[in-house]
Every structure is written in C-alpha cells, then in structure tokens.
C-alpha cells in the first residue's frame, strides 16, 4: 500500500511566486518541494551534486525536522512508521 502522497501538486492553481504573502509563499514552497521530490527529477539531479552538496541538503532538512517536528510527528508524518 502506498503511504506517500502528492495531492497538492495535482490541484494547485496558485501563482507559484515567492515573496507576495505568507499563504502564497507556503503554497509555492509546497509546489516546489513536491516537484523536487519526483523520482525522475531526483535521479537526474542527485548524481550531479557533489558529496558536500548532498551532505548540506541532508543536514539542512534534518535540522529543520528536528527544529519544528516532534519525534512522534517525525515517525507518524514523515517516516509513516506508526
């Protein structure tokens, strides 16, 4: 059974612009992140990144998760293992 979803990107009709207002910024970032996480895109991008760039991305994402998501949310929402 699939656990992961990307429904927002399928229905998004917003501006796709950053810096206008908080709501549009959040929607734009959600759009970008869902596009970013597409398998084919990542299979193209990741081999082009240096080891340092891979580590920087991993550490940035991990730091934001630790800063804003509880351990229970990490397991239930991110890992979906509960």
Protein backbone atom coordinates (compact mmCIF):
# COMPACT_ATOMS: atom_id res chain seq x y z
CA UNK A 1 0.00 0.00 0.00
CA UNK A 2 1.28 3.47 -0.85
CA UNK A 3 2.00 5.69 2.12
CA UNK A 4 3.25 8.79 0.34
CA UNK A 5 1.01 11.36 -1.32
CA UNK A 6 1.44 14.38 -3.52
CA UNK A 7 -2.13 15.56 -3.97
CA UNK A 8 -1.43 19.28 -3.65
CA UNK A 9 0.64 19.46 -6.82
CA UNK A 10 -2.14 17.84 -8.85
CA UNK A 11 -4.69 20.51 -7.92
CA UNK A 12 -2.58 23.64 -7.39
CA UNK A 13 -3.73 26.62 -9.43
CA UNK A 14 -1.89 29.34 -7.49
CA UNK A 15 0.66 31.89 -8.58
CA UNK A 16 3.82 29.94 -7.90
CA UNK A 17 5.55 33.09 -6.74
CA UNK A 18 7.57 33.75 -3.63
CA UNK A 19 7.54 36.96 -1.56
CA UNK A 20 3.96 38.06 -2.13
CA UNK A 21 2.41 36.90 1.15
CA UNK A 22 2.76 34.05 3.63
CA UNK A 23 0.00 31.88 2.15
CA UNK A 24 1.39 32.14 -1.39
CA UNK A 25 4.93 31.52 -0.08
CA UNK A 26 3.81 28.32 1.67
CA UNK A 27 1.89 27.13 -1.41
CA UNK A 28 4.84 27.90 -3.69
CA UNK A 29 7.25 26.05 -1.43
CA UNK A 30 4.90 23.07 -1.25
CA UNK A 31 4.69 23.09 -5.06
CA UNK A 32 8.49 23.25 -5.41
CA UNK A 33 9.14 20.53 -2.84
CA UNK A 34 6.63 18.17 -4.41
CA UNK A 35 8.16 18.75 -7.85
CA UNK A 36 11.63 18.42 -6.34
CA UNK A 37 10.79 15.05 -4.81
CA UNK A 38 9.69 13.43 -8.07
CA UNK A 39 11.72 10.25 -8.64
CA UNK A 40 12.82 11.08 -12.17
CA UNK A 41 13.88 14.59 -11.23
CA UNK A 42 15.93 13.41 -8.24
CA UNK A 43 17.54 10.64 -10.31
CA UNK A 44 18.70 13.41 -12.65
CA UNK A 45 19.75 15.96 -10.02
CA UNK A 46 21.36 13.90 -7.26
CA UNK A 47 24.22 12.41 -9.31
CA UNK A 48 25.17 15.95 -10.33
CA UNK A 49 25.57 17.16 -6.75
CA UNK A 50 28.91 16.99 -5.01
CA UNK A 51 29.31 14.95 -1.83
CA UNK A 52 29.35 18.23 0.09
CA UNK A 53 26.12 19.40 -1.55
CA UNK A 54 24.42 16.09 -0.72
CA UNK A 55 25.51 16.44 2.90
CA UNK A 56 24.40 20.08 3.06
CA UNK A 57 20.92 19.22 1.79
CA UNK A 58 20.59 16.30 4.17
CA UNK A 59 21.78 18.31 7.17
CA UNK A 60 19.53 21.27 6.31
CA UNK A 61 16.42 19.10 6.02
CA UNK A 62 17.31 17.12 9.13
CA UNK A 63 17.89 20.32 11.15
CA UNK A 64 14.50 21.75 10.11
CA UNK A 65 12.77 18.50 11.04
CA UNK A 66 14.43 18.47 14.47
CA UNK A 67 13.62 22.15 14.99
CA UNK A 68 9.93 22.07 14.06
CA UNK A 69 8.64 18.49 14.26
CA UNK A 70 8.27 16.38 17.40
CA UNK A 71 9.67 12.86 17.48
CA UNK A 72 6.15 11.43 17.33
CA UNK A 73 5.32 13.62 14.30
CA UNK A 74 8.60 12.59 12.69
CA UNK A 75 7.63 8.93 12.96
CA UNK A 76 3.95 9.26 12.13
CA UNK A 77 4.01 12.02 9.48
CA UNK A 78 7.48 11.82 7.93
CA UNK A 79 8.51 8.18 8.24
CA UNK A 80 4.93 6.88 8.45
CA UNK A 81 6.11 4.00 10.57
CA UNK A 82 3.45 4.26 13.28
